[in-house]
Amino acid sequence: MRCAASIPQLATDALNLEDLKAYLGRVEELGFAGGWVMEQAIGPTPMLAPLETLAYAAACTTNLRLGVAVLVVPQHDPLQLAAAITAVDRLSGGRLDVGVSPGGGFRPFEAFGVARQTFVGYFVEALELMKAAWADPTEVSFHGRFREVNGLPIQPKPVQRPHPPIWFGASSQRALARAVRLGDAFLGAGSTSTAQFADQVVTLRSELAAQGRDPASYPIGKRVYLAVDDDADRARAAVAEGLDRLYGGAVPGIKDVPVCGTPQDVVAGLREVADAGAELLVLNPLGTSVAEDREQMERLAAEVIPQLS
């Protein structure tokens, strides 16, 4: 099991770029398996855009892998998104992991020029077009339902071939089957409970067998919202406040999802996630500043992670 760190994206007046740069350097120094961001193009929380944040992170680090989970692909033009992903992969020297999802039907897809009735089909076709844009031929042709591309020259290509690893976010059985068919890995959402994640892993493993894919070549991870404090009640209050800030009460039962409490409480909670099938844990505190998140990461690195091995 590997532990990655979330990268702070809260874009308030308190955002301090020197603190963010130091945070990224410290995450790399501590040996975390990666630094991950998320996307919230529309939402109650002011957040920095994910790929632009990762481009900054690439300039602040040397070896740290960089990930985003998940990009809601129907909220983007696929050729422009493919070019942005290529840019971050090249700027980082091939250190990028890309999480994708069609998003849920509750999203305002009309604001992005996509009909709610066709967003899943748009997603599947967009991902196919992105993979075509990353492939070796310089000139790309593609004939789909939503896009018609005829011999367009598309350069440059990503460092990682044939493209950066594609991590899927999904929850339903059909979506999980799609994740196995089209993706390279799976990352459970931070908004899902450990029990829900365990059920998803069962379905994933069944689909991997049914589709003839080697489970050893298909990593499974989960984002975990958490807070560690010597006072368990204070930890619960802090993470609840962070979830309100991030989701605005839009996800029923979200306050029952995080792992929080004393260091021993957090160790026990993360072990449950690992036992459910997570090989990668994206540890995601929800502080109001980079300094608060760094304090959490320092405590996790010193008091929690050593007890997980």
Protein backbone atom coordinates (compact mmCIF):
# COMPACT_ATOMS: atom_id res chain seq x y z
CA MET A 1 0.00 0.00 0.00
CA ARG A 2 1.20 3.49 -0.95
CA CYS A 3 0.14 6.87 0.44
CA ALA A 4 -0.19 9.99 -1.68
CA ALA A 5 -0.96 13.53 -0.50
CA SER A 6 -3.60 15.94 -1.71
CA ILE A 7 -2.39 19.28 -3.07
CA PRO A 8 -4.20 22.30 -1.58
CA GLN A 9 -6.37 24.15 -4.12
CA LEU A 10 -8.45 26.46 -1.93
CA ALA A 11 -8.23 29.83 -3.72
CA THR A 12 -8.98 32.30 -0.94
CA ASP A 13 -7.20 35.53 -0.10
CA ALA A 14 -5.14 33.46 2.35
CA LEU A 15 -3.51 31.43 -0.45
CA ASN A 16 0.24 31.83 -0.04
CA LEU A 17 2.31 30.63 -3.01
CA GLU A 18 5.48 30.36 -0.94
CA ASP A 19 3.62 28.09 1.49
CA LEU A 20 2.32 26.02 -1.43
CA LYS A 21 5.78 25.69 -2.94
CA ALA A 22 7.20 24.63 0.44
CA TYR A 23 4.33 22.19 0.92
CA LEU A 24 5.03 20.51 -2.40
CA GLY A 25 8.73 20.23 -1.65
CA ARG A 26 8.00 18.75 1.76
CA VAL A 27 5.55 16.19 0.35
CA GLU A 28 8.28 15.06 -2.04
CA GLU A 29 10.89 15.03 0.73
CA LEU A 30 8.67 12.91 2.98
CA GLY A 31 8.43 10.24 0.27
CA PHE A 32 4.72 10.40 -0.53
CA ALA A 33 3.77 8.34 -3.59
CA GLY A 34 2.24 11.35 -5.32
CA GLY A 35 0.44 14.65 -5.06
CA TRP A 36 -3.18 14.74 -6.24
CA VAL A 37 -5.69 17.45 -7.09
CA MET A 38 -9.40 17.35 -7.90
CA GLU A 39 -11.71 19.25 -10.24
CA GLN A 40 -14.63 21.43 -9.22
CA ALA A 41 -15.35 23.65 -12.22
CA ILE A 42 -18.79 24.50 -10.82
CA GLY A 43 -19.35 24.45 -7.08
CA PRO A 44 -19.57 26.36 -3.82
CA THR A 45 -15.83 26.29 -3.08
CA PRO A 46 -13.28 28.59 -4.78
CA MET A 47 -10.74 26.09 -6.08
CA LEU A 48 -7.76 26.42 -8.40
CA ALA A 49 -8.17 24.55 -11.70
CA PRO A 50 -6.50 21.12 -11.50
CA LEU A 51 -4.22 20.88 -14.52
CA GLU A 52 -2.93 24.42 -14.07
CA THR A 53 -2.20 23.61 -10.43
CA LEU A 54 -0.33 20.48 -11.47
CA ALA A 55 1.74 22.49 -13.95
CA TYR A 56 2.84 24.66 -11.01
CA ALA A 57 3.49 21.55 -8.92
CA ALA A 58 5.63 20.11 -11.71
CA ALA A 59 7.88 23.18 -11.54
CA CYS A 60 8.19 22.85 -7.74
CA THR A 61 9.12 19.16 -7.66
CA THR A 62 11.50 16.72 -9.30
CA ASN A 63 10.32 13.15 -8.78
CA LEU A 64 6.86 13.37 -7.20
CA ARG A 65 4.12 11.81 -9.33
CA LEU A 66 1.24 14.17 -9.98
CA GLY A 67 -2.39 13.15 -10.31
CA VAL A 68 -5.86 14.57 -10.87
CA ALA A 69 -9.02 12.73 -9.87
CA VAL A 70 -11.26 13.23 -11.51
CA LEU A 71 -11.62 15.37 -14.60
CA VAL A 72 -15.30 15.48 -15.61
CA VAL A 73 -14.60 15.08 -19.31
CA PRO A 74 -17.97 16.31 -20.70
CA GLN A 75 -17.15 19.70 -19.15
CA HIS A 76 -14.23 20.05 -21.59
CA ASP A 77 -13.50 20.09 -25.29
CA PRO A 78 -11.66 16.76 -25.75
CA LEU A 79 -8.91 18.02 -28.08
CA GLN A 80 -8.14 20.98 -25.83
CA LEU A 81 -8.20 18.72 -22.76
CA ALA A 82 -5.86 16.25 -24.46
CA ALA A 83 -3.45 19.10 -25.28
CA ALA A 84 -3.53 20.38 -21.67
CA ILE A 85 -2.83 16.89 -20.31
CA THR A 86 0.03 16.49 -22.78
CA ALA A 87 1.49 19.81 -21.62
CA VAL A 88 1.50 18.80 -17.95
CA ASP A 89 2.91 15.37 -18.76
CA ARG A 90 5.77 16.96 -20.71
CA LEU A 91 6.39 19.73 -18.18
CA SER A 92 6.61 17.12 -15.42
CA GLY A 93 8.87 14.79 -17.40
CA GLY A 94 6.23 12.07 -17.60
CA ARG A 95 4.99 12.11 -14.00
CA LEU A 96 1.25 12.58 -14.62
CA ASP A 97 -1.70 10.33 -13.68
CA VAL A 98 -5.08 11.34 -15.11
CA GLY A 99 -8.41 10.50 -13.49
CA VAL A 100 -11.54 10.80 -15.64
CA SER A 101 -15.27 10.42 -15.22
CA PRO A 102 -18.45 11.28 -17.13
CA GLY A 103 -19.79 12.92 -13.95
CA GLY A 104 -23.25 12.43 -12.52
CA GLY A 105 -26.52 13.37 -14.16
CA PHE A 106 -27.01 16.17 -11.62
CA ARG A 107 -24.29 18.30 -13.22
CA PRO A 108 -25.19 21.37 -15.34
CA PHE A 109 -23.91 19.87 -18.59
CA GLU A 110 -25.93 22.35 -20.63
CA ALA A 111 -23.56 25.07 -19.42
CA PHE A 112 -20.78 23.22 -21.28
CA GLY A 113 -22.77 22.61 -24.46
CA VAL A 114 -23.52 18.94 -23.69
CA ALA A 115 -27.04 17.53 -23.47
CA ARG A 116 -27.86 15.78 -20.21
CA GLN A 117 -29.32 12.85 -22.17
CA THR A 118 -26.04 12.15 -23.97
CA PHE A 119 -23.29 13.01 -21.47
CA VAL A 120 -22.16 9.40 -21.01
CA GLY A 121 -21.93 8.82 -24.75
CA TYR A 122 -20.10 12.13 -25.10
CA PHE A 123 -17.63 11.01 -22.43
CA VAL A 124 -16.87 7.66 -24.09
CA GLU A 125 -16.35 9.27 -27.48
CA ALA A 126 -14.28 12.12 -26.03
CA LEU A 127 -11.94 9.67 -24.30
CA GLU A 128 -11.54 7.74 -27.56
CA LEU A 129 -10.71 10.97 -29.39
CA MET A 130 -8.20 11.99 -26.70
CA LYS A 131 -6.43 8.65 -27.04
CA ALA A 132 -6.33 9.15 -30.80
CA ALA A 133 -4.80 12.62 -30.28
CA TRP A 134 -2.10 11.07 -28.07
CA ALA A 135 -1.30 8.24 -30.50
CA ASP A 136 1.79 8.27 -32.71
CA PRO A 137 0.40 9.41 -36.07
CA THR A 138 0.89 13.16 -36.41
CA GLU A 139 -2.28 13.56 -38.45
CA VAL A 140 -5.44 12.50 -36.63
CA SER A 141 -8.73 11.47 -38.22
CA PHE A 142 -11.77 10.59 -36.17
CA HIS A 143 -15.41 10.10 -37.14
CA GLY A 144 -17.83 10.10 -34.22
CA ARG A 145 -21.28 11.16 -33.18
CA PHE A 146 -20.14 14.43 -31.65
CA ARG A 147 -16.83 15.13 -33.40
CA GLU A 148 -15.57 14.95 -36.98
CA VAL A 149 -11.79 15.20 -37.34
CA ASN A 150 -10.13 14.90 -40.74
CA GLY A 151 -6.34 14.69 -40.91
CA LEU A 152 -5.61 17.31 -38.26
CA PRO A 153 -1.91 17.60 -37.30
CA ILE A 154 -1.72 17.22 -33.51
CA GLN A 155 1.61 17.75 -31.78
CA PRO A 156 3.32 17.29 -29.35
CA LYS A 157 2.60 13.89 -27.83
CA PRO A 158 2.84 12.95 -24.12
CA VAL A 159 6.09 11.63 -22.67
CA GLN A 160 4.31 8.55 -21.32
CA ARG A 161 3.30 6.17 -24.07
CA PRO A 162 0.75 5.53 -25.31
CA HIS A 163 -0.57 8.14 -22.86
CA PRO A 164 -0.49 8.94 -19.12
CA PRO A 165 -2.21 6.28 -16.97
CA ILE A 166 -6.00 6.74 -17.03
CA TRP A 167 -7.62 6.36 -13.61
CA PHE A 168 -11.39 6.04 -13.60
CA GLY A 169 -13.89 7.31 -11.09
CA ALA A 170 -17.10 5.28 -11.08
CA SER A 171 -19.74 3.83 -8.76
CA SER A 172 -22.51 1.89 -10.57
CA GLN A 173 -21.94 -1.62 -11.93
CA ARG A 174 -22.18 -0.41 -15.52
CA ALA A 175 -19.74 2.44 -14.85
CA LEU A 176 -17.30 0.09 -13.12
CA ALA A 177 -17.42 -2.26 -16.11
CA ARG A 178 -16.64 0.74 -18.33
CA ALA A 179 -13.74 1.64 -16.04
CA VAL A 180 -12.21 -1.80 -16.57
CA ARG A 181 -12.84 -1.72 -20.32
CA LEU A 182 -11.43 1.74 -20.99
CA GLY A 183 -9.16 2.58 -18.06
CA ASP A 184 -5.83 1.63 -16.56
CA ALA A 185 -6.69 2.02 -12.86
CA PHE A 186 -9.50 2.97 -10.45
CA LEU A 187 -9.68 5.61 -7.73
CA GLY A 188 -12.61 5.53 -5.33
CA ALA A 189 -14.17 8.89 -4.55
CA GLY A 190 -13.54 10.63 -1.27
CA SER A 191 -17.30 11.04 -0.93
CA THR A 192 -17.88 7.27 -0.73
CA SER A 193 -17.70 5.32 2.51
CA THR A 194 -15.28 2.47 3.11
CA ALA A 195 -18.18 0.00 2.87
CA GLN A 196 -19.28 1.42 -0.49
CA PHE A 197 -15.68 1.30 -1.73
CA ALA A 198 -15.39 -2.35 -0.65
CA ASP A 199 -18.47 -3.20 -2.75
CA GLN A 200 -16.98 -1.36 -5.72
CA VAL A 201 -13.75 -3.35 -5.42
CA VAL A 202 -15.71 -6.62 -5.48
CA THR A 203 -17.40 -5.52 -8.71
CA LEU A 204 -14.11 -4.34 -10.20
CA ARG A 205 -12.38 -7.63 -9.50
CA SER A 206 -15.30 -9.52 -11.03
CA GLU A 207 -15.12 -7.33 -14.13
CA LEU A 208 -11.35 -7.71 -14.40
CA ALA A 209 -11.80 -11.48 -14.45
CA ALA A 210 -14.71 -11.33 -16.89
CA GLN A 211 -12.82 -9.05 -19.29
CA GLY A 212 -9.61 -11.07 -19.04
CA ARG A 213 -7.52 -8.32 -17.49
CA ASP A 214 -4.66 -8.96 -15.09
CA PRO A 215 -5.55 -7.50 -11.65
CA ALA A 216 -1.85 -6.94 -10.94
CA SER A 217 -1.71 -4.43 -13.81
CA TYR A 218 -4.83 -2.53 -12.72
CA PRO A 219 -4.14 -0.48 -9.55
CA ILE A 220 -6.98 0.41 -7.20
CA GLY A 221 -6.91 3.41 -4.89
CA LYS A 222 -9.16 5.70 -2.87
CA ARG A 223 -9.21 9.32 -1.84
CA VAL A 224 -9.74 9.57 1.92
CA TYR A 225 -10.93 12.74 3.61
CA LEU A 226 -9.40 12.83 7.07
CA ALA A 227 -8.32 14.80 10.10
CA VAL A 228 -5.90 13.76 12.83
CA ASP A 229 -5.88 15.41 16.25
CA ASP A 230 -5.14 14.39 19.82
CA ASP A 231 -8.72 15.48 20.53
CA ALA A 232 -11.04 13.18 18.51
CA ASP A 233 -14.03 15.53 18.81
CA ARG A 234 -11.96 18.41 17.47
CA ALA A 235 -10.86 16.25 14.52
CA ARG A 236 -14.47 15.37 13.70
CA ALA A 237 -15.51 19.01 13.86
CA ALA A 238 -12.63 20.11 11.61
CA VAL A 239 -13.33 17.56 8.89
CA ALA A 240 -17.09 18.22 9.03
CA GLU A 241 -16.43 21.93 8.49
CA GLY A 242 -14.16 21.11 5.55
CA LEU A 243 -16.76 18.86 3.94
CA ASP A 244 -19.40 21.58 4.28
CA ARG A 245 -17.00 23.95 2.57
CA LEU A 246 -16.31 21.51 -0.27
CA TYR A 247 -19.76 20.02 -0.90
CA GLY A 248 -22.15 22.53 0.62
CA GLY A 249 -24.39 19.77 1.98
CA ALA A 250 -25.06 18.39 -1.51
CA VAL A 251 -23.99 14.79 -0.73
CA PRO A 252 -26.25 12.93 1.73
CA GLY A 253 -24.36 11.14 4.50
CA ILE A 254 -21.02 12.76 3.60
CA LYS A 255 -20.16 13.46 7.24
CA ASP A 256 -20.09 9.71 7.93
CA VAL A 257 -17.43 9.15 5.25
CA PRO A 258 -14.15 10.63 6.57
CA VAL A 259 -11.50 8.95 8.68
CA CYS A 260 -10.79 11.13 11.69
CA GLY A 261 -9.76 11.19 15.33
CA THR A 262 -6.57 10.43 17.18
CA PRO A 263 -3.57 9.00 15.32
CA GLN A 264 -4.65 5.50 16.37
CA ASP A 265 -8.20 6.16 15.15
CA VAL A 266 -6.85 7.26 11.76
CA VAL A 267 -4.53 4.25 11.54
CA ALA A 268 -7.49 1.95 12.16
CA GLY A 269 -9.66 3.75 9.61
CA LEU A 270 -7.00 3.67 6.90
CA ARG A 271 -6.32 0.00 7.53
CA GLU A 272 -10.00 -0.66 6.87
CA VAL A 273 -9.74 1.15 3.53
CA ALA A 274 -6.62 -0.88 2.66
CA ASP A 275 -8.32 -4.11 3.69
CA ALA A 276 -11.22 -3.18 1.40
CA GLY A 277 -8.77 -3.23 -1.53
CA ALA A 278 -6.98 0.11 -1.75
CA GLU A 279 -3.38 -0.12 -2.92
CA LEU A 280 -3.08 3.68 -3.05
CA LEU A 281 -4.50 6.04 -0.42
CA VAL A 282 -4.82 9.70 -1.40
CA LEU A 283 -4.78 11.38 2.01
CA ASN A 284 -6.91 14.52 1.87
CA PRO A 285 -7.16 16.85 4.86
CA LEU A 286 -9.52 19.79 4.43
CA GLY A 287 -7.83 22.74 6.08
CA THR A 288 -8.59 26.38 5.43
CA SER A 289 -4.97 27.10 4.45
CA VAL A 290 -1.87 25.43 3.04
CA ALA A 291 -0.30 25.71 6.48
CA GLU A 292 -3.13 23.71 8.07
CA ASP A 293 -2.87 20.98 5.43
CA ARG A 294 0.90 20.84 5.88
CA GLU A 295 0.50 20.39 9.64
CA GLN A 296 -1.83 17.47 8.95
CA MET A 297 0.60 15.91 6.45
CA GLU A 298 3.47 16.20 8.91
CA ARG A 299 1.45 14.40 11.57
CA LEU A 300 0.30 11.73 9.11
CA ALA A 301 3.89 11.12 7.96
CA ALA A 302 5.22 10.93 11.52
CA GLU A 303 2.42 9.27 13.47
CA VAL A 304 0.14 7.39 11.08
CA ILE A 305 1.84 6.14 7.91
CA PRO A 306 4.67 4.26 9.71
CA GLN A 307 2.02 2.18 11.47
CA LEU A 308 0.36 1.15 8.19
CA SER A 309 3.30 -0.86 6.82
